[in-house]
Amino acid sequence: MLEKLKGIIVNYVDVDPEKITPEARFIEDLGFNSYDFMSMLGDIETEFGITVDEAQVADVHTVGEAIKYFEELQG
């Protein structure tokens, strides 16, 4: 899932894919703003066939937290 997520992330922010690690924080490390993040979630929902709860995703700050949350949604 990390590799797929990297492919989506680079469509939204100008960042070296090697810097996209499970520990990377979306805003502080990767340069996301809230609009970019919410827009990316739409692509993630389509790519992984999930529906993201905006209240729950507000607690997601790192790539690793996102992967864990998306995997839980996938079952």
PDB file of N, CA and C in Angstrom:
ATOM      1  N   MET A   1       0.814  -1.193   0.000  1.00  0.00           N
ATOM      2  CA  MET A   1       0.000   0.000   0.000  1.00  0.00           C
ATOM      3  C   MET A   1       0.862   1.263   0.000  1.00  0.00           C
ATOM      4  N   LEU A   2       2.020   1.223   0.614  1.00  0.00           N
ATOM      5  CA  LEU A   2       2.890   2.402   0.664  1.00  0.00           C
ATOM      6  C   LEU A   2       3.243   2.882  -0.744  1.00  0.00           C
ATOM      7  N   GLU A   3       3.568   1.962  -1.626  1.00  0.00           N
ATOM      8  CA  GLU A   3       3.958   2.359  -2.987  1.00  0.00           C
ATOM      9  C   GLU A   3       2.791   3.001  -3.726  1.00  0.00           C
ATOM     10  N   LYS A   4       1.591   2.453  -3.584  1.00  0.00           N
ATOM     11  CA  LYS A   4       0.413   3.054  -4.221  1.00  0.00           C
ATOM     12  C   LYS A   4       0.146   4.437  -3.648  1.00  0.00           C
ATOM     13  N   LEU A   5       0.282   4.556  -2.343  1.00  0.00           N
ATOM     14  CA  LEU A   5       0.046   5.833  -1.684  1.00  0.00           C
ATOM     15  C   LEU A   5       1.083   6.868  -2.130  1.00  0.00           C
ATOM     16  N   LYS A   6       2.322   6.449  -2.292  1.00  0.00           N
ATOM     17  CA  LYS A   6       3.357   7.356  -2.797  1.00  0.00           C
ATOM     18  C   LYS A   6       2.963   7.905  -4.163  1.00  0.00           C
ATOM     19  N   GLY A   7       2.453   7.021  -5.012  1.00  0.00           N
ATOM     20  CA  GLY A   7       2.041   7.428  -6.358  1.00  0.00           C
ATOM     21  C   GLY A   7       0.937   8.469  -6.335  1.00  0.00           C
ATOM     22  N   ILE A   8       0.061   8.378  -5.359  1.00  0.00           N
ATOM     23  CA  ILE A   8      -1.020   9.359  -5.220  1.00  0.00           C
ATOM     24  C   ILE A   8      -0.482  10.656  -4.620  1.00  0.00           C
ATOM     25  N   ILE A   9       0.345  10.550  -3.599  1.00  0.00           N
ATOM     26  CA  ILE A   9       0.882  11.734  -2.910  1.00  0.00           C
ATOM     27  C   ILE A   9       1.628  12.650  -3.868  1.00  0.00           C
ATOM     28  N   VAL A  10       2.453  12.082  -4.745  1.00  0.00           N
ATOM     29  CA  VAL A  10       3.254  12.927  -5.637  1.00  0.00           C
ATOM     30  C   VAL A  10       2.404  13.680  -6.654  1.00  0.00           C
ATOM     31  N   ASN A  11       1.148  13.300  -6.792  1.00  0.00           N
ATOM     32  CA  ASN A  11       0.245  14.060  -7.652  1.00  0.00           C
ATOM     33  C   ASN A  11      -0.236  15.339  -6.975  1.00  0.00           C
ATOM     34  N   TYR A  12      -0.058  15.443  -5.687  1.00  0.00           N
ATOM     35  CA  TYR A  12      -0.584  16.585  -4.929  1.00  0.00           C
ATOM     36  C   TYR A  12       0.482  17.527  -4.381  1.00  0.00           C
ATOM     37  N   VAL A  13       1.647  17.010  -4.104  1.00  0.00           N
ATOM     38  CA  VAL A  13       2.727  17.857  -3.587  1.00  0.00           C
ATOM     39  C   VAL A  13       4.021  17.525  -4.314  1.00  0.00           C
ATOM     40  N   ASP A  14       4.883  18.518  -4.436  1.00  0.00           N
ATOM     41  CA  ASP A  14       6.163  18.336  -5.092  1.00  0.00           C
ATOM     42  C   ASP A  14       7.172  17.846  -4.060  1.00  0.00           C
ATOM     43  N   VAL A  15       7.287  16.532  -3.966  1.00  0.00           N
ATOM     44  CA  VAL A  15       8.166  15.929  -2.970  1.00  0.00           C
ATOM     45  C   VAL A  15       8.849  14.708  -3.582  1.00  0.00           C
ATOM     46  N   ASP A  16      10.078  14.488  -3.192  1.00  0.00           N
ATOM     47  CA  ASP A  16      10.822  13.318  -3.632  1.00  0.00           C
ATOM     48  C   ASP A  16      10.151  12.075  -3.051  1.00  0.00           C
ATOM     49  N   PRO A  17       9.773  11.123  -3.897  1.00  0.00           N
ATOM     50  CA  PRO A  17       9.108   9.912  -3.383  1.00  0.00           C
ATOM     51  C   PRO A  17       9.890   9.198  -2.287  1.00  0.00           C
ATOM     52  N   GLU A  18      11.215   9.335  -2.281  1.00  0.00           N
ATOM     53  CA  GLU A  18      12.012   8.690  -1.244  1.00  0.00           C
ATOM     54  C   GLU A  18      11.768   9.302   0.134  1.00  0.00           C
ATOM     55  N   LYS A  19      11.243  10.530   0.171  1.00  0.00           N
ATOM     56  CA  LYS A  19      10.941  11.181   1.443  1.00  0.00           C
ATOM     57  C   LYS A  19       9.586  10.756   2.002  1.00  0.00           C
ATOM     58  N   ILE A  20       8.828  10.007   1.211  1.00  0.00           N
ATOM     59  CA  ILE A  20       7.515   9.536   1.654  1.00  0.00           C
ATOM     60  C   ILE A  20       7.719   8.211   2.375  1.00  0.00           C
ATOM     61  N   THR A  21       7.830   8.302   3.687  1.00  0.00           N
ATOM     62  CA  THR A  21       8.052   7.137   4.541  1.00  0.00           C
ATOM     63  C   THR A  21       6.875   7.033   5.507  1.00  0.00           C
ATOM     64  N   PRO A  22       6.731   5.906   6.192  1.00  0.00           N
ATOM     65  CA  PRO A  22       5.645   5.797   7.175  1.00  0.00           C
ATOM     66  C   PRO A  22       5.702   6.878   8.266  1.00  0.00           C
ATOM     67  N   GLU A  23       6.895   7.380   8.551  1.00  0.00           N
ATOM     68  CA  GLU A  23       7.044   8.391   9.603  1.00  0.00           C
ATOM     69  C   GLU A  23       6.781   9.806   9.102  1.00  0.00           C
ATOM     70  N   ALA A  24       6.726  10.005   7.790  1.00  0.00           N
ATOM     71  CA  ALA A  24       6.563  11.350   7.219  1.00  0.00           C
ATOM     72  C   ALA A  24       5.187  11.922   7.575  1.00  0.00           C
ATOM     73  N   ARG A  25       5.211  13.175   8.036  1.00  0.00           N
ATOM     74  CA  ARG A  25       3.971  13.868   8.380  1.00  0.00           C
ATOM     75  C   ARG A  25       3.473  14.617   7.145  1.00  0.00           C
ATOM     76  N   PHE A  26       2.181  14.528   6.883  1.00  0.00           N
ATOM     77  CA  PHE A  26       1.621  15.118   5.667  1.00  0.00           C
ATOM     78  C   PHE A  26       1.887  16.617   5.571  1.00  0.00           C
ATOM     79  N   ILE A  27       1.604  17.356   6.615  1.00  0.00           N
ATOM     80  CA  ILE A  27       1.734  18.813   6.557  1.00  0.00           C
ATOM     81  C   ILE A  27       3.180  19.252   6.772  1.00  0.00           C
ATOM     82  N   GLU A  28       3.768  18.830   7.863  1.00  0.00           N
ATOM     83  CA  GLU A  28       5.093  19.317   8.245  1.00  0.00           C
ATOM     84  C   GLU A  28       6.207  18.819   7.330  1.00  0.00           C
ATOM     85  N   ASP A  29       6.150  17.558   6.897  1.00  0.00           N
ATOM     86  CA  ASP A  29       7.245  16.975   6.133  1.00  0.00           C
ATOM     87  C   ASP A  29       7.004  16.955   4.619  1.00  0.00           C
ATOM     88  N   LEU A  30       5.757  16.755   4.220  1.00  0.00           N
ATOM     89  CA  LEU A  30       5.465  16.587   2.798  1.00  0.00           C
ATOM     90  C   LEU A  30       4.884  17.844   2.156  1.00  0.00           C
ATOM     91  N   GLY A  31       4.501  18.830   2.955  1.00  0.00           N
ATOM     92  CA  GLY A  31       4.045  20.103   2.407  1.00  0.00           C
ATOM     93  C   GLY A  31       2.577  20.177   2.029  1.00  0.00           C
ATOM     94  N   PHE A  32       1.775  19.271   2.549  1.00  0.00           N
ATOM     95  CA  PHE A  32       0.343  19.321   2.274  1.00  0.00           C
ATOM     96  C   PHE A  32      -0.302  20.507   2.976  1.00  0.00           C
ATOM     97  N   ASN A  33      -1.365  21.044   2.358  1.00  0.00           N
ATOM     98  CA  ASN A  33      -2.275  21.921   3.085  1.00  0.00           C
ATOM     99  C   ASN A  33      -3.585  21.155   3.202  1.00  0.00           C
ATOM    100  N   SER A  34      -4.539  21.689   3.932  1.00  0.00           N
ATOM    101  CA  SER A  34      -5.759  20.924   4.186  1.00  0.00           C
ATOM    102  C   SER A  34      -6.537  20.649   2.902  1.00  0.00           C
ATOM    103  N   TYR A  35      -6.527  21.578   1.959  1.00  0.00           N
ATOM    104  CA  TYR A  35      -7.234  21.357   0.696  1.00  0.00           C
ATOM    105  C   TYR A  35      -6.599  20.203  -0.077  1.00  0.00           C
ATOM    106  N   ASP A  36      -5.259  20.211  -0.185  1.00  0.00           N
ATOM    107  CA  ASP A  36      -4.563  19.122  -0.881  1.00  0.00           C
ATOM    108  C   ASP A  36      -4.885  17.781  -0.245  1.00  0.00           C
ATOM    109  N   PHE A  37      -4.872  17.743   1.080  1.00  0.00           N
ATOM    110  CA  PHE A  37      -5.107  16.495   1.794  1.00  0.00           C
ATOM    111  C   PHE A  37      -6.514  15.966   1.523  1.00  0.00           C
ATOM    112  N   MET A  38      -7.507  16.844   1.608  1.00  0.00           N
ATOM    113  CA  MET A  38      -8.885  16.409   1.388  1.00  0.00           C
ATOM    114  C   MET A  38      -9.096  15.985  -0.065  1.00  0.00           C
ATOM    115  N   SER A  39      -8.463  16.685  -0.995  1.00  0.00           N
ATOM    116  CA  SER A  39      -8.566  16.302  -2.409  1.00  0.00           C
ATOM    117  C   SER A  39      -7.944  14.928  -2.641  1.00  0.00           C
ATOM    118  N   MET A  40      -6.807  14.699  -2.017  1.00  0.00           N
ATOM    119  CA  MET A  40      -6.135  13.411  -2.146  1.00  0.00           C
ATOM    120  C   MET A  40      -7.015  12.278  -1.624  1.00  0.00           C
ATOM    121  N   LEU A  41      -7.754  12.546  -0.557  1.00  0.00           N
ATOM    122  CA  LEU A  41      -8.619  11.509   0.014  1.00  0.00           C
ATOM    123  C   LEU A  41      -9.642  11.001  -0.998  1.00  0.00           C
ATOM    124  N   GLY A  42     -10.127  11.878  -1.849  1.00  0.00           N
ATOM    125  CA  GLY A  42     -11.060  11.443  -2.892  1.00  0.00           C
ATOM    126  C   GLY A  42     -10.423  10.424  -3.818  1.00  0.00           C
ATOM    127  N   ASP A  43      -9.181  10.667  -4.210  1.00  0.00           N
ATOM    128  CA  ASP A  43      -8.466   9.706  -5.057  1.00  0.00           C
ATOM    129  C   ASP A  43      -8.229   8.395  -4.319  1.00  0.00           C
ATOM    130  N   ILE A  44      -7.922   8.490  -3.040  1.00  0.00           N
ATOM    131  CA  ILE A  44      -7.673   7.291  -2.243  1.00  0.00           C
ATOM    132  C   ILE A  44      -8.949   6.458  -2.126  1.00  0.00           C
ATOM    133  N   GLU A  45     -10.067   7.117  -1.916  1.00  0.00           N
ATOM    134  CA  GLU A  45     -11.334   6.389  -1.832  1.00  0.00           C
ATOM    135  C   GLU A  45     -11.589   5.618  -3.117  1.00  0.00           C
ATOM    136  N   THR A  46     -11.342   6.244  -4.248  1.00  0.00           N
ATOM    137  CA  THR A  46     -11.536   5.586  -5.538  1.00  0.00           C
ATOM    138  C   THR A  46     -10.543   4.446  -5.741  1.00  0.00           C
ATOM    139  N   GLU A  47      -9.279   4.715  -5.462  1.00  0.00           N
ATOM    140  CA  GLU A  47      -8.213   3.728  -5.688  1.00  0.00           C
ATOM    141  C   GLU A  47      -8.391   2.474  -4.833  1.00  0.00           C
ATOM    142  N   PHE A  48      -8.767   2.654  -3.565  1.00  0.00           N
ATOM    143  CA  PHE A  48      -8.827   1.529  -2.643  1.00  0.00           C
ATOM    144  C   PHE A  48     -10.248   1.028  -2.370  1.00  0.00           C
ATOM    145  N   GLY A  49     -11.257   1.674  -2.972  1.00  0.00           N
ATOM    146  CA  GLY A  49     -12.629   1.230  -2.785  1.00  0.00           C
ATOM    147  C   GLY A  49     -13.114   1.367  -1.353  1.00  0.00           C
ATOM    148  N   ILE A  50     -12.773   2.501  -0.719  1.00  0.00           N
ATOM    149  CA  ILE A  50     -13.154   2.738   0.671  1.00  0.00           C
ATOM    150  C   ILE A  50     -13.882   4.071   0.778  1.00  0.00           C
ATOM    151  N   THR A  51     -14.520   4.301   1.912  1.00  0.00           N
ATOM    152  CA  THR A  51     -15.137   5.591   2.212  1.00  0.00           C
ATOM    153  C   THR A  51     -14.511   6.105   3.490  1.00  0.00           C
ATOM    154  N   VAL A  52     -13.876   7.265   3.388  1.00  0.00           N
ATOM    155  CA  VAL A  52     -13.155   7.859   4.507  1.00  0.00           C
ATOM    156  C   VAL A  52     -14.107   8.705   5.342  1.00  0.00           C
ATOM    157  N   ASP A  53     -14.030   8.545   6.648  1.00  0.00           N
ATOM    158  CA  ASP A  53     -14.799   9.365   7.586  1.00  0.00           C
ATOM    159  C   ASP A  53     -13.957  10.599   7.907  1.00  0.00           C
ATOM    160  N   GLU A  54     -14.453  11.787   7.522  1.00  0.00           N
ATOM    161  CA  GLU A  54     -13.662  13.009   7.696  1.00  0.00           C
ATOM    162  C   GLU A  54     -13.321  13.281   9.159  1.00  0.00           C
ATOM    163  N   ALA A  55     -14.186  12.901  10.081  1.00  0.00           N
ATOM    164  CA  ALA A  55     -13.902  13.112  11.503  1.00  0.00           C
ATOM    165  C   ALA A  55     -12.752  12.220  11.963  1.00  0.00           C
ATOM    166  N   GLN A  56     -12.733  10.976  11.492  1.00  0.00           N
ATOM    167  CA  GLN A  56     -11.661  10.053  11.885  1.00  0.00           C
ATOM    168  C   GLN A  56     -10.344  10.403  11.211  1.00  0.00           C
ATOM    169  N   VAL A  57     -10.399  10.815   9.960  1.00  0.00           N
ATOM    170  CA  VAL A  57      -9.167  11.094   9.226  1.00  0.00           C
ATOM    171  C   VAL A  57      -8.492  12.362   9.752  1.00  0.00           C
ATOM    172  N   ALA A  58      -9.201  13.163  10.514  1.00  0.00           N
ATOM    173  CA  ALA A  58      -8.596  14.352  11.120  1.00  0.00           C
ATOM    174  C   ALA A  58      -7.491  13.968  12.104  1.00  0.00           C
ATOM    175  N   ASP A  59      -7.535  12.740  12.599  1.00  0.00           N
ATOM    176  CA  ASP A  59      -6.514  12.256  13.534  1.00  0.00           C
ATOM    177  C   ASP A  59      -5.321  11.608  12.827  1.00  0.00           C
ATOM    178  N   VAL A  60      -5.345  11.580  11.503  1.00  0.00           N
ATOM    179  CA  VAL A  60      -4.264  10.973  10.721  1.00  0.00           C
ATOM    180  C   VAL A  60      -3.243  12.062  10.383  1.00  0.00           C
ATOM    181  N   HIS A  61      -2.028  11.892  10.864  1.00  0.00           N
ATOM    182  CA  HIS A  61      -0.998  12.910  10.644  1.00  0.00           C
ATOM    183  C   HIS A  61       0.202  12.399   9.855  1.00  0.00           C
ATOM    184  N   THR A  62       0.445  11.092   9.901  1.00  0.00           N
ATOM    185  CA  THR A  62       1.591  10.534   9.193  1.00  0.00           C
ATOM    186  C   THR A  62       1.137   9.557   8.115  1.00  0.00           C
ATOM    187  N   VAL A  63       2.044   9.270   7.205  1.00  0.00           N
ATOM    188  CA  VAL A  63       1.763   8.300   6.149  1.00  0.00           C
ATOM    189  C   VAL A  63       1.449   6.935   6.761  1.00  0.00           C
ATOM    190  N   GLY A  64       2.191   6.549   7.786  1.00  0.00           N
ATOM    191  CA  GLY A  64       1.954   5.262   8.447  1.00  0.00           C
ATOM    192  C   GLY A  64       0.573   5.193   9.080  1.00  0.00           C
ATOM    193  N   GLU A  65       0.152   6.278   9.721  1.00  0.00           N
ATOM    194  CA  GLU A  65      -1.197   6.317  10.312  1.00  0.00           C
ATOM    195  C   GLU A  65      -2.247   6.196   9.214  1.00  0.00           C
ATOM    196  N   ALA A  66      -1.998   6.832   8.077  1.00  0.00           N
ATOM    197  CA  ALA A  66      -2.936   6.754   6.955  1.00  0.00           C
ATOM    198  C   ALA A  66      -3.043   5.327   6.437  1.00  0.00           C
ATOM    199  N   ILE A  67      -1.904   4.676   6.275  1.00  0.00           N
ATOM    200  CA  ILE A  67      -1.908   3.291   5.785  1.00  0.00           C
ATOM    201  C   ILE A  67      -2.696   2.397   6.744  1.00  0.00           C
ATOM    202  N   LYS A  68      -2.447   2.545   8.026  1.00  0.00           N
ATOM    203  CA  LYS A  68      -3.162   1.731   9.015  1.00  0.00           C
ATOM    204  C   LYS A  68      -4.669   1.979   8.927  1.00  0.00           C
ATOM    205  N   TYR A  69      -5.063   3.243   8.833  1.00  0.00           N
ATOM    206  CA  TYR A  69      -6.488   3.593   8.758  1.00  0.00           C
ATOM    207  C   TYR A  69      -7.111   3.041   7.474  1.00  0.00           C
ATOM    208  N   PHE A  70      -6.447   3.208   6.329  1.00  0.00           N
ATOM    209  CA  PHE A  70      -7.002   2.721   5.081  1.00  0.00           C
ATOM    210  C   PHE A  70      -7.100   1.205   5.061  1.00  0.00           C
ATOM    211  N   GLU A  71      -6.112   0.536   5.628  1.00  0.00           N
ATOM    212  CA  GLU A  71      -6.164  -0.934   5.688  1.00  0.00           C
ATOM    213  C   GLU A  71      -7.311  -1.402   6.568  1.00  0.00           C
ATOM    214  N   GLU A  72      -7.574  -0.679   7.673  1.00  0.00           N
ATOM    215  CA  GLU A  72      -8.704  -1.031   8.536  1.00  0.00           C
ATOM    216  C   GLU A  72     -10.016  -0.874   7.769  1.00  0.00           C
ATOM    217  N   LEU A  73     -10.128   0.164   6.961  1.00  0.00           N
ATOM    218  CA  LEU A  73     -11.345   0.386   6.171  1.00  0.00           C
ATOM    219  C   LEU A  73     -11.541  -0.710   5.117  1.00  0.00           C
ATOM    220  N   GLN A  74     -10.436  -1.198   4.597  1.00  0.00           N
ATOM    221  CA  GLN A  74     -10.521  -2.252   3.590  1.00  0.00           C
ATOM    222  C   GLN A  74     -10.914  -3.592   4.212  1.00  0.00           C
ATOM    223  N   GLY A  75     -10.720  -3.719   5.519  1.00  0.00           N
ATOM    224  CA  GLY A  75     -11.080  -4.964   6.195  1.00  0.00           C
ATOM    225  C   GLY A  75      -9.972  -5.941   6.102  1.00  0.00           C
TER     226      GLY A  75
END
